[in-house]
Amino acid sequence: MTLRVLDPRQAAQGEAMRMAPALPSLSGAVVGLLDNAKIGTGRLFDFVEEILRDEHGVREFIRRRKPDASRPVPPEMLAELSGADAILSAIGD
């Protein structure tokens, strides 16, 4: 059996994608939280939001929940999240 490991940084055409530059600080930032629709993700993000707001000065959160875990993020939801300085996506299982 052959194990194939895919590099998520590779574009479909084989060209490496560039990672976004790191934020100098989260203070005053807008952070998107993308929930994959699993049962525990909401609680996880409640906790993450509290830490990021209280300890790192995040100003605002854009929280969105996918219709279900097996489908990609709808384009309109991606458009809403595009207003964030950083986005976290999590699986709450």
Protein backbone atom coordinates (compact mmCIF):
# COMPACT_ATOMS: atom_id res chain seq x y z
CA MET A 1 0.00 0.00 0.00
CA THR A 2 1.30 3.46 -0.92
CA LEU A 3 0.81 6.42 1.38
CA ARG A 4 0.48 9.75 -0.44
CA VAL A 5 0.97 12.95 1.56
CA LEU A 6 -0.41 16.14 0.04
CA ASP A 7 1.15 19.51 0.76
CA PRO A 8 -1.71 22.02 1.31
CA ARG A 9 0.60 24.86 0.26
CA GLN A 10 0.65 23.60 -3.32
CA ALA A 11 -1.75 25.19 -5.79
CA ALA A 12 -3.67 22.92 -8.15
CA GLN A 13 -1.28 23.85 -10.96
CA GLY A 14 1.73 22.77 -8.87
CA GLU A 15 2.87 26.28 -7.95
CA ALA A 16 3.55 26.94 -4.28
CA MET A 17 1.14 29.37 -2.67
CA ARG A 18 2.55 32.09 -0.46
CA MET A 19 1.49 32.23 3.15
CA ALA A 20 0.04 35.50 4.40
CA PRO A 21 2.44 37.55 6.50
CA ALA A 22 2.05 37.17 10.25
CA LEU A 23 0.15 39.90 12.04
CA PRO A 24 2.45 42.03 14.17
CA SER A 25 -0.16 41.92 16.95
CA LEU A 26 -3.72 40.79 17.59
CA SER A 27 -4.46 43.98 19.49
CA GLY A 28 -7.32 45.75 17.69
CA ALA A 29 -7.63 42.96 15.13
CA VAL A 30 -10.78 41.43 13.66
CA VAL A 31 -10.68 37.62 13.86
CA GLY A 32 -12.94 35.27 11.91
CA LEU A 33 -14.00 32.04 13.60
CA LEU A 34 -15.22 29.38 11.16
CA ASP A 35 -17.22 26.64 12.85
CA ASN A 36 -17.33 23.32 10.98
CA ALA A 37 -20.78 22.48 12.42
CA LYS A 38 -19.60 19.70 14.72
CA ILE A 39 -21.18 19.62 18.15
CA GLY A 40 -18.22 20.89 20.20
CA THR A 41 -16.95 23.69 17.99
CA GLY A 42 -19.21 26.42 19.40
CA ARG A 43 -17.99 25.80 22.96
CA LEU A 44 -14.38 25.68 21.77
CA PHE A 45 -14.75 29.02 19.99
CA ASP A 46 -16.46 30.59 23.03
CA PHE A 47 -13.30 29.75 24.98
CA VAL A 48 -10.93 30.87 22.20
CA GLU A 49 -12.85 34.13 21.78
CA GLU A 50 -12.59 34.90 25.49
CA ILE A 51 -8.82 34.30 25.51
CA LEU A 52 -8.19 36.31 22.35
CA ARG A 53 -10.32 39.24 23.56
CA ASP A 54 -9.05 39.33 27.18
CA GLU A 55 -5.39 38.38 26.73
CA HIS A 56 -4.59 39.58 23.21
CA GLY A 57 -6.88 42.58 22.66
CA VAL A 58 -8.86 41.31 19.68
CA ARG A 59 -11.43 44.02 18.90
CA GLU A 60 -14.07 42.09 16.99
CA PHE A 61 -15.03 38.58 15.92
CA ILE A 62 -16.83 37.38 12.81
CA ARG A 63 -18.33 34.00 13.71
CA ARG A 64 -19.81 31.82 11.01
CA ARG A 65 -20.99 28.20 11.03
CA LYS A 66 -20.82 25.99 7.94
CA PRO A 67 -24.07 24.24 6.94
CA ASP A 68 -22.37 20.93 7.73
CA ALA A 69 -18.86 19.56 8.21
CA SER A 70 -18.65 17.64 4.94
CA ARG A 71 -19.25 20.56 2.58
CA PRO A 72 -16.97 23.44 1.64
CA VAL A 73 -17.60 26.92 2.97
CA PRO A 74 -20.29 28.68 0.90
CA PRO A 75 -18.93 31.59 -1.18
CA GLU A 76 -21.10 34.18 0.61
CA MET A 77 -19.71 33.03 3.96
CA LEU A 78 -16.15 33.32 2.63
CA ALA A 79 -16.98 36.85 1.51
CA GLU A 80 -18.14 37.74 5.03
CA LEU A 81 -15.00 36.26 6.57
CA SER A 82 -12.77 38.15 4.13
CA GLY A 83 -13.19 41.24 6.33
CA ALA A 84 -11.14 39.58 9.08
CA ASP A 85 -7.45 40.16 9.72
CA ALA A 86 -7.06 36.46 10.64
CA ILE A 87 -9.32 33.41 10.48
CA LEU A 88 -9.41 30.30 12.66
CA SER A 89 -11.15 27.18 11.44
CA ALA A 90 -11.78 24.38 13.91
CA ILE A 91 -13.22 20.90 14.27
CA GLY A 92 -15.15 20.45 17.48
CA ASP A 93 -15.18 16.70 17.82
